[in-house]
Amino acid sequence: MKDDLAVACSGACMIHCLVTPIVIGFGTAGLLGDWFTSEWVHKVMLVPVILLAILSLPGAYRRHKNHWPLLLGGIGLSTMVSALIGPE
């Protein structure tokens, strides 16, 4: 169940990242473009991603004895968090 939620969050993130430039590129940015690019949207989306990673990655490592998902997930989370707290 946790893995399914994590996959859904990942898919939502991918859709967000793909749709934002398309919406802005077609000039319909307006309110929708402001919403897609606002920092609070990214912070709100990051909360379930972090929680699901904390819940699912250690268990997946114990079950499969494979360190790569844990390592890559940690790198991905670090990158996303640093993008929000670091300077532009």
PDB file of N, CA and C in Angstrom:
ATOM      1  N   MET A   1       0.818  -1.198   0.000  1.00  0.00           N
ATOM      2  CA  MET A   1       0.000   0.000   0.000  1.00  0.00           C
ATOM      3  C   MET A   1       0.863   1.264   0.000  1.00  0.00           C
ATOM      4  N   LYS A   2       1.904   1.273   0.856  1.00  0.00           N
ATOM      5  CA  LYS A   2       2.782   2.439   0.901  1.00  0.00           C
ATOM      6  C   LYS A   2       3.506   2.622  -0.414  1.00  0.00           C
ATOM      7  N   ASP A   3       3.922   1.506  -1.022  1.00  0.00           N
ATOM      8  CA  ASP A   3       4.615   1.604  -2.303  1.00  0.00           C
ATOM      9  C   ASP A   3       3.692   2.152  -3.379  1.00  0.00           C
ATOM     10  N   ASP A   4       2.428   1.757  -3.351  1.00  0.00           N
ATOM     11  CA  ASP A   4       1.470   2.266  -4.326  1.00  0.00           C
ATOM     12  C   ASP A   4       1.279   3.772  -4.168  1.00  0.00           C
ATOM     13  N   LEU A   5       1.210   4.240  -2.924  1.00  0.00           N
ATOM     14  CA  LEU A   5       1.087   5.678  -2.685  1.00  0.00           C
ATOM     15  C   LEU A   5       2.343   6.422  -3.137  1.00  0.00           C
ATOM     16  N   ALA A   6       3.484   5.817  -2.904  1.00  0.00           N
ATOM     17  CA  ALA A   6       4.742   6.442  -3.320  1.00  0.00           C
ATOM     18  C   ALA A   6       4.801   6.543  -4.849  1.00  0.00           C
ATOM     19  N   VAL A   7       4.347   5.508  -5.536  1.00  0.00           N
ATOM     20  CA  VAL A   7       4.319   5.540  -7.001  1.00  0.00           C
ATOM     21  C   VAL A   7       3.343   6.613  -7.478  1.00  0.00           C
ATOM     22  N   ALA A   8       2.205   6.743  -6.815  1.00  0.00           N
ATOM     23  CA  ALA A   8       1.228   7.771  -7.186  1.00  0.00           C
ATOM     24  C   ALA A   8       1.806   9.171  -6.984  1.00  0.00           C
ATOM     25  N   CYS A   9       2.513   9.389  -5.887  1.00  0.00           N
ATOM     26  CA  CYS A   9       3.147  10.696  -5.654  1.00  0.00           C
ATOM     27  C   CYS A   9       4.207  10.980  -6.713  1.00  0.00           C
ATOM     28  N   SER A  10       4.964   9.964  -7.058  1.00  0.00           N
ATOM     29  CA  SER A  10       5.982  10.124  -8.084  1.00  0.00           C
ATOM     30  C   SER A  10       5.341  10.478  -9.420  1.00  0.00           C
ATOM     31  N   GLY A  11       4.244   9.818  -9.736  1.00  0.00           N
ATOM     32  CA  GLY A  11       3.535  10.126 -10.973  1.00  0.00           C
ATOM     33  C   GLY A  11       2.966  11.529 -10.974  1.00  0.00           C
ATOM     34  N   ALA A  12       2.414  11.963  -9.833  1.00  0.00           N
ATOM     35  CA  ALA A  12       1.884  13.324  -9.729  1.00  0.00           C
ATOM     36  C   ALA A  12       2.997  14.346  -9.906  1.00  0.00           C
ATOM     37  N   CYS A  13       4.156  14.060  -9.359  1.00  0.00           N
ATOM     38  CA  CYS A  13       5.308  14.954  -9.506  1.00  0.00           C
ATOM     39  C   CYS A  13       5.730  15.036 -10.972  1.00  0.00           C
ATOM     40  N   MET A  14       5.775  13.880 -11.644  1.00  0.00           N
ATOM     41  CA  MET A  14       6.170  13.852 -13.049  1.00  0.00           C
ATOM     42  C   MET A  14       5.167  14.638 -13.898  1.00  0.00           C
ATOM     43  N   ILE A  15       3.876  14.446 -13.642  1.00  0.00           N
ATOM     44  CA  ILE A  15       2.861  15.174 -14.397  1.00  0.00           C
ATOM     45  C   ILE A  15       2.993  16.670 -14.151  1.00  0.00           C
ATOM     46  N   HIS A  16       3.206  17.060 -12.895  1.00  0.00           N
ATOM     47  CA  HIS A  16       3.384  18.475 -12.555  1.00  0.00           C
ATOM     48  C   HIS A  16       4.569  19.061 -13.316  1.00  0.00           C
ATOM     49  N   CYS A  17       5.681  18.337 -13.321  1.00  0.00           N
ATOM     50  CA  CYS A  17       6.891  18.845 -13.976  1.00  0.00           C
ATOM     51  C   CYS A  17       6.741  18.911 -15.493  1.00  0.00           C
ATOM     52  N   LEU A  18       5.949  18.030 -16.073  1.00  0.00           N
ATOM     53  CA  LEU A  18       5.743  18.056 -17.518  1.00  0.00           C
ATOM     54  C   LEU A  18       4.675  19.075 -17.939  1.00  0.00           C
ATOM     55  N   VAL A  19       3.635  19.223 -17.147  1.00  0.00           N
ATOM     56  CA  VAL A  19       2.521  20.098 -17.521  1.00  0.00           C
ATOM     57  C   VAL A  19       2.863  21.574 -17.329  1.00  0.00           C
ATOM     58  N   THR A  20       3.645  21.914 -16.314  1.00  0.00           N
ATOM     59  CA  THR A  20       3.949  23.316 -16.016  1.00  0.00           C
ATOM     60  C   THR A  20       4.541  24.051 -17.218  1.00  0.00           C
ATOM     61  N   PRO A  21       5.606  23.552 -17.845  1.00  0.00           N
ATOM     62  CA  PRO A  21       6.146  24.299 -18.996  1.00  0.00           C
ATOM     63  C   PRO A  21       5.182  24.348 -20.180  1.00  0.00           C
ATOM     64  N   ILE A  22       4.354  23.319 -20.327  1.00  0.00           N
ATOM     65  CA  ILE A  22       3.383  23.318 -21.429  1.00  0.00           C
ATOM     66  C   ILE A  22       2.341  24.407 -21.200  1.00  0.00           C
ATOM     67  N   VAL A  23       1.830  24.489 -19.976  1.00  0.00           N
ATOM     68  CA  VAL A  23       0.827  25.513 -19.651  1.00  0.00           C
ATOM     69  C   VAL A  23       1.416  26.906 -19.837  1.00  0.00           C
ATOM     70  N   ILE A  24       2.617  27.107 -19.356  1.00  0.00           N
ATOM     71  CA  ILE A  24       3.260  28.416 -19.491  1.00  0.00           C
ATOM     72  C   ILE A  24       3.577  28.697 -20.953  1.00  0.00           C
ATOM     73  N   GLY A  25       4.022  27.676 -21.687  1.00  0.00           N
ATOM     74  CA  GLY A  25       4.381  27.844 -23.095  1.00  0.00           C
ATOM     75  C   GLY A  25       3.210  28.225 -23.978  1.00  0.00           C
ATOM     76  N   PHE A  26       2.030  27.756 -23.669  1.00  0.00           N
ATOM     77  CA  PHE A  26       0.863  28.083 -24.472  1.00  0.00           C
ATOM     78  C   PHE A  26       0.247  29.427 -24.093  1.00  0.00           C
ATOM     79  N   GLY A  27       0.854  30.105 -23.128  1.00  0.00           N
ATOM     80  CA  GLY A  27       0.392  31.436 -22.781  1.00  0.00           C
ATOM     81  C   GLY A  27      -0.837  31.464 -21.896  1.00  0.00           C
ATOM     82  N   THR A  28      -1.267  30.320 -21.421  1.00  0.00           N
ATOM     83  CA  THR A  28      -2.425  30.299 -20.535  1.00  0.00           C
ATOM     84  C   THR A  28      -1.971  30.306 -19.088  1.00  0.00           C
ATOM     85  N   ALA A  29      -0.825  30.906 -18.868  1.00  0.00           N
ATOM     86  CA  ALA A  29      -0.233  30.869 -17.538  1.00  0.00           C
ATOM     87  C   ALA A  29      -1.184  31.437 -16.491  1.00  0.00           C
ATOM     88  N   GLY A  30      -1.584  32.656 -16.621  1.00  0.00           N
ATOM     89  CA  GLY A  30      -2.527  33.275 -15.691  1.00  0.00           C
ATOM     90  C   GLY A  30      -2.476  32.704 -14.292  1.00  0.00           C
ATOM     91  N   LEU A  31      -3.627  32.443 -13.725  1.00  0.00           N
ATOM     92  CA  LEU A  31      -3.731  31.916 -12.366  1.00  0.00           C
ATOM     93  C   LEU A  31      -3.188  30.499 -12.293  1.00  0.00           C
ATOM     94  N   LEU A  32      -3.479  29.680 -13.300  1.00  0.00           N
ATOM     95  CA  LEU A  32      -3.014  28.291 -13.300  1.00  0.00           C
ATOM     96  C   LEU A  32      -1.490  28.226 -13.323  1.00  0.00           C
ATOM     97  N   GLY A  33      -0.871  29.061 -14.132  1.00  0.00           N
ATOM     98  CA  GLY A  33       0.586  29.102 -14.200  1.00  0.00           C
ATOM     99  C   GLY A  33       1.208  29.564 -12.896  1.00  0.00           C
ATOM    100  N   ASP A  34       0.581  30.553 -12.274  1.00  0.00           N
ATOM    101  CA  ASP A  34       1.065  31.029 -10.972  1.00  0.00           C
ATOM    102  C   ASP A  34       0.958  29.930  -9.928  1.00  0.00           C
ATOM    103  N   TRP A  35      -0.148  29.186  -9.984  1.00  0.00           N
ATOM    104  CA  TRP A  35      -0.350  28.095  -9.020  1.00  0.00           C
ATOM    105  C   TRP A  35       0.674  26.995  -9.233  1.00  0.00           C
ATOM    106  N   PHE A  36       0.902  26.600 -10.489  1.00  0.00           N
ATOM    107  CA  PHE A  36       1.845  25.523 -10.778  1.00  0.00           C
ATOM    108  C   PHE A  36       3.272  25.881 -10.376  1.00  0.00           C
ATOM    109  N   THR A  37       3.645  27.132 -10.508  1.00  0.00           N
ATOM    110  CA  THR A  37       5.029  27.517 -10.249  1.00  0.00           C
ATOM    111  C   THR A  37       5.256  28.076  -8.855  1.00  0.00           C
ATOM    112  N   SER A  38       4.207  28.191  -8.047  1.00  0.00           N
ATOM    113  CA  SER A  38       4.385  28.769  -6.722  1.00  0.00           C
ATOM    114  C   SER A  38       5.150  27.809  -5.801  1.00  0.00           C
ATOM    115  N   GLU A  39       5.880  28.407  -4.897  1.00  0.00           N
ATOM    116  CA  GLU A  39       6.722  27.621  -3.995  1.00  0.00           C
ATOM    117  C   GLU A  39       5.903  26.786  -3.017  1.00  0.00           C
ATOM    118  N   TRP A  40       4.751  27.287  -2.595  1.00  0.00           N
ATOM    119  CA  TRP A  40       3.952  26.537  -1.618  1.00  0.00           C
ATOM    120  C   TRP A  40       3.446  25.225  -2.201  1.00  0.00           C
ATOM    121  N   VAL A  41       3.177  25.190  -3.514  1.00  0.00           N
ATOM    122  CA  VAL A  41       2.736  23.939  -4.140  1.00  0.00           C
ATOM    123  C   VAL A  41       3.837  22.894  -4.027  1.00  0.00           C
ATOM    124  N   HIS A  42       5.062  23.310  -4.255  1.00  0.00           N
ATOM    125  CA  HIS A  42       6.186  22.379  -4.165  1.00  0.00           C
ATOM    126  C   HIS A  42       6.391  21.899  -2.727  1.00  0.00           C
ATOM    127  N   LYS A  43       6.223  22.796  -1.769  1.00  0.00           N
ATOM    128  CA  LYS A  43       6.370  22.393  -0.368  1.00  0.00           C
ATOM    129  C   LYS A  43       5.273  21.424   0.045  1.00  0.00           C
ATOM    130  N   VAL A  44       4.045  21.691  -0.379  1.00  0.00           N
ATOM    131  CA  VAL A  44       2.929  20.805  -0.044  1.00  0.00           C
ATOM    132  C   VAL A  44       3.119  19.434  -0.684  1.00  0.00           C
ATOM    133  N   MET A  45       3.586  19.404  -1.920  1.00  0.00           N
ATOM    134  CA  MET A  45       3.804  18.124  -2.605  1.00  0.00           C
ATOM    135  C   MET A  45       4.973  17.345  -2.000  1.00  0.00           C
ATOM    136  N   LEU A  46       5.926  18.055  -1.417  1.00  0.00           N
ATOM    137  CA  LEU A  46       7.094  17.389  -0.851  1.00  0.00           C
ATOM    138  C   LEU A  46       6.774  16.666   0.455  1.00  0.00           C
ATOM    139  N   VAL A  47       5.791  17.138   1.202  1.00  0.00           N
ATOM    140  CA  VAL A  47       5.457  16.522   2.493  1.00  0.00           C
ATOM    141  C   VAL A  47       5.078  15.047   2.349  1.00  0.00           C
ATOM    142  N   PRO A  48       4.103  14.676   1.497  1.00  0.00           N
ATOM    143  CA  PRO A  48       3.796  13.245   1.391  1.00  0.00           C
ATOM    144  C   PRO A  48       4.927  12.438   0.787  1.00  0.00           C
ATOM    145  N   VAL A  49       5.721  13.057  -0.073  1.00  0.00           N
ATOM    146  CA  VAL A  49       6.851  12.344  -0.671  1.00  0.00           C
ATOM    147  C   VAL A  49       7.857  11.958   0.418  1.00  0.00           C
ATOM    148  N   ILE A  50       8.178  12.885   1.294  1.00  0.00           N
ATOM    149  CA  ILE A  50       9.127  12.602   2.374  1.00  0.00           C
ATOM    150  C   ILE A  50       8.554  11.550   3.327  1.00  0.00           C
ATOM    151  N   LEU A  51       7.294  11.724   3.701  1.00  0.00           N
ATOM    152  CA  LEU A  51       6.682  10.758   4.621  1.00  0.00           C
ATOM    153  C   LEU A  51       6.639   9.348   4.030  1.00  0.00           C
ATOM    154  N   LEU A  52       6.247   9.235   2.781  1.00  0.00           N
ATOM    155  CA  LEU A  52       6.186   7.919   2.153  1.00  0.00           C
ATOM    156  C   LEU A  52       7.568   7.310   1.971  1.00  0.00           C
ATOM    157  N   ALA A  53       8.560   8.140   1.683  1.00  0.00           N
ATOM    158  CA  ALA A  53       9.927   7.623   1.552  1.00  0.00           C
ATOM    159  C   ALA A  53      10.433   7.102   2.891  1.00  0.00           C
ATOM    160  N   ILE A  54      10.151   7.842   3.950  1.00  0.00           N
ATOM    161  CA  ILE A  54      10.577   7.398   5.284  1.00  0.00           C
ATOM    162  C   ILE A  54       9.884   6.091   5.663  1.00  0.00           C
ATOM    163  N   LEU A  55       8.632   5.949   5.260  1.00  0.00           N
ATOM    164  CA  LEU A  55       7.887   4.739   5.594  1.00  0.00           C
ATOM    165  C   LEU A  55       8.235   3.548   4.698  1.00  0.00           C
ATOM    166  N   SER A  56       8.518   3.787   3.434  1.00  0.00           N
ATOM    167  CA  SER A  56       8.665   2.656   2.512  1.00  0.00           C
ATOM    168  C   SER A  56      10.106   2.257   2.196  1.00  0.00           C
ATOM    169  N   LEU A  57      11.029   3.187   2.117  1.00  0.00           N
ATOM    170  CA  LEU A  57      12.391   2.834   1.694  1.00  0.00           C
ATOM    171  C   LEU A  57      13.122   1.903   2.671  1.00  0.00           C
ATOM    172  N   PRO A  58      13.096   2.161   3.974  1.00  0.00           N
ATOM    173  CA  PRO A  58      13.784   1.221   4.878  1.00  0.00           C
ATOM    174  C   PRO A  58      13.181  -0.190   4.839  1.00  0.00           C
ATOM    175  N   GLY A  59      11.865  -0.276   4.764  1.00  0.00           N
ATOM    176  CA  GLY A  59      11.210  -1.586   4.694  1.00  0.00           C
ATOM    177  C   GLY A  59      11.553  -2.320   3.407  1.00  0.00           C
ATOM    178  N   ALA A  60      11.621  -1.575   2.321  1.00  0.00           N
ATOM    179  CA  ALA A  60      11.996  -2.184   1.041  1.00  0.00           C
ATOM    180  C   ALA A  60      13.434  -2.696   1.096  1.00  0.00           C
ATOM    181  N   TYR A  61      14.294  -1.949   1.760  1.00  0.00           N
ATOM    182  CA  TYR A  61      15.683  -2.418   1.888  1.00  0.00           C
ATOM    183  C   TYR A  61      15.750  -3.706   2.710  1.00  0.00           C
ATOM    184  N   ARG A  62      15.042  -3.744   3.820  1.00  0.00           N
ATOM    185  CA  ARG A  62      15.059  -4.951   4.655  1.00  0.00           C
ATOM    186  C   ARG A  62      14.480  -6.158   3.924  1.00  0.00           C
ATOM    187  N   ARG A  63      13.454  -5.924   3.135  1.00  0.00           N
ATOM    188  CA  ARG A  63      12.794  -7.034   2.439  1.00  0.00           C
ATOM    189  C   ARG A  63      13.624  -7.542   1.260  1.00  0.00           C
ATOM    190  N   HIS A  64      14.207  -6.628   0.478  1.00  0.00           N
ATOM    191  CA  HIS A  64      14.893  -7.027  -0.751  1.00  0.00           C
ATOM    192  C   HIS A  64      16.409  -7.097  -0.617  1.00  0.00           C
ATOM    193  N   LYS A  65      16.952  -6.535   0.462  1.00  0.00           N
ATOM    194  CA  LYS A  65      18.404  -6.501   0.681  1.00  0.00           C
ATOM    195  C   LYS A  65      19.144  -5.855  -0.488  1.00  0.00           C
ATOM    196  N   ASN A  66      18.534  -4.823  -1.036  1.00  0.00           N
ATOM    197  CA  ASN A  66      19.141  -4.088  -2.143  1.00  0.00           C
ATOM    198  C   ASN A  66      19.268  -2.630  -1.711  1.00  0.00           C
ATOM    199  N   HIS A  67      20.483  -2.127  -1.702  1.00  0.00           N
ATOM    200  CA  HIS A  67      20.722  -0.769  -1.201  1.00  0.00           C
ATOM    201  C   HIS A  67      20.451   0.321  -2.237  1.00  0.00           C
ATOM    202  N   TRP A  68      20.311  -0.030  -3.508  1.00  0.00           N
ATOM    203  CA  TRP A  68      20.158   0.990  -4.547  1.00  0.00           C
ATOM    204  C   TRP A  68      18.891   1.839  -4.421  1.00  0.00           C
ATOM    205  N   PRO A  69      17.716   1.259  -4.187  1.00  0.00           N
ATOM    206  CA  PRO A  69      16.539   2.127  -4.022  1.00  0.00           C
ATOM    207  C   PRO A  69      16.678   3.082  -2.841  1.00  0.00           C
ATOM    208  N   LEU A  70      17.253   2.603  -1.751  1.00  0.00           N
ATOM    209  CA  LEU A  70      17.459   3.448  -0.577  1.00  0.00           C
ATOM    210  C   LEU A  70      18.434   4.582  -0.899  1.00  0.00           C
ATOM    211  N   LEU A  71      19.512   4.253  -1.578  1.00  0.00           N
ATOM    212  CA  LEU A  71      20.509   5.255  -1.944  1.00  0.00           C
ATOM    213  C   LEU A  71      19.939   6.273  -2.936  1.00  0.00           C
ATOM    214  N   LEU A  72      19.296   5.791  -3.986  1.00  0.00           N
ATOM    215  CA  LEU A  72      18.745   6.698  -4.993  1.00  0.00           C
ATOM    216  C   LEU A  72      17.585   7.525  -4.431  1.00  0.00           C
ATOM    217  N   GLY A  73      16.773   6.904  -3.578  1.00  0.00           N
ATOM    218  CA  GLY A  73      15.694   7.651  -2.935  1.00  0.00           C
ATOM    219  C   GLY A  73      16.237   8.753  -2.038  1.00  0.00           C
ATOM    220  N   GLY A  74      17.299   8.444  -1.300  1.00  0.00           N
ATOM    221  CA  GLY A  74      17.930   9.455  -0.452  1.00  0.00           C
ATOM    222  C   GLY A  74      18.514  10.600  -1.257  1.00  0.00           C
ATOM    223  N   ILE A  75      19.140  10.273  -2.372  1.00  0.00           N
ATOM    224  CA  ILE A  75      19.684  11.319  -3.245  1.00  0.00           C
ATOM    225  C   ILE A  75      18.556  12.171  -3.819  1.00  0.00           C
ATOM    226  N   GLY A  76      17.478  11.526  -4.257  1.00  0.00           N
ATOM    227  CA  GLY A  76      16.337  12.266  -4.802  1.00  0.00           C
ATOM    228  C   GLY A  76      15.697  13.184  -3.778  1.00  0.00           C
ATOM    229  N   LEU A  77      15.486  12.655  -2.564  1.00  0.00           N
ATOM    230  CA  LEU A  77      14.912  13.486  -1.500  1.00  0.00           C
ATOM    231  C   LEU A  77      15.830  14.646  -1.157  1.00  0.00           C
ATOM    232  N   SER A  78      17.120  14.384  -1.061  1.00  0.00           N
ATOM    233  CA  SER A  78      18.082  15.448  -0.754  1.00  0.00           C
ATOM    234  C   SER A  78      18.040  16.541  -1.814  1.00  0.00           C
ATOM    235  N   THR A  79      17.940  16.133  -3.064  1.00  0.00           N
ATOM    236  CA  THR A  79      17.897  17.095  -4.160  1.00  0.00           C
ATOM    237  C   THR A  79      16.627  17.943  -4.094  1.00  0.00           C
ATOM    238  N   MET A  80      15.490  17.295  -3.844  1.00  0.00           N
ATOM    239  CA  MET A  80      14.229  18.042  -3.780  1.00  0.00           C
ATOM    240  C   MET A  80      14.210  19.014  -2.602  1.00  0.00           C
ATOM    241  N   VAL A  81      14.682  18.576  -1.448  1.00  0.00           N
ATOM    242  CA  VAL A  81      14.697  19.448  -0.269  1.00  0.00           C
ATOM    243  C   VAL A  81      15.672  20.600  -0.481  1.00  0.00           C
ATOM    244  N   SER A  82      16.855  20.312  -1.006  1.00  0.00           N
ATOM    245  CA  SER A  82      17.841  21.376  -1.213  1.00  0.00           C
ATOM    246  C   SER A  82      17.360  22.383  -2.250  1.00  0.00           C
ATOM    247  N   ALA A  83      16.558  21.938  -3.214  1.00  0.00           N
ATOM    248  CA  ALA A  83      16.027  22.879  -4.221  1.00  0.00           C
ATOM    249  C   ALA A  83      15.061  23.875  -3.584  1.00  0.00           C
ATOM    250  N   LEU A  84      14.375  23.454  -2.523  1.00  0.00           N
ATOM    251  CA  LEU A  84      13.425  24.361  -1.870  1.00  0.00           C
ATOM    252  C   LEU A  84      14.076  25.244  -0.811  1.00  0.00           C
ATOM    253  N   ILE A  85      15.111  24.747  -0.136  1.00  0.00           N
ATOM    254  CA  ILE A  85      15.697  25.551   0.932  1.00  0.00           C
ATOM    255  C   ILE A  85      16.936  26.315   0.496  1.00  0.00           C
ATOM    256  N   GLY A  86      17.503  25.928  -0.641  1.00  0.00           N
ATOM    257  CA  GLY A  86      18.703  26.607  -1.114  1.00  0.00           C
ATOM    258  C   GLY A  86      18.377  27.884  -1.852  1.00  0.00           C
ATOM    259  N   PRO A  87      19.396  28.724  -2.080  1.00  0.00           N
ATOM    260  CA  PRO A  87      19.172  29.957  -2.832  1.00  0.00           C
ATOM    261  C   PRO A  87      18.896  29.637  -4.308  1.00  0.00           C
ATOM    262  N   GLU A  88      18.231  30.556  -4.965  1.00  0.00           N
ATOM    263  CA  GLU A  88      17.880  30.322  -6.369  1.00  0.00           C
ATOM    264  C   GLU A  88      19.072  30.429  -7.266  1.00  0.00           C
TER     265      GLU A  88
END
